[in-house]
Amino acid sequence: MTRKMPTGRNSNQGPSQLRSLVYNAIRTMIKSP
């Protein structure tokens, strides 16, 4: 899960922002012990 996922700039900025928020949360959960 270390591979960076595309932000999807071609897609709508709305869903892209939401996905980036969720992805950040998942990364934080994985990084935390």
Foldseek 3Di string as FASTA:
>chain_A
DPDDDDLPPVDDVVVSVVVVVVVVVVVVVVPPD
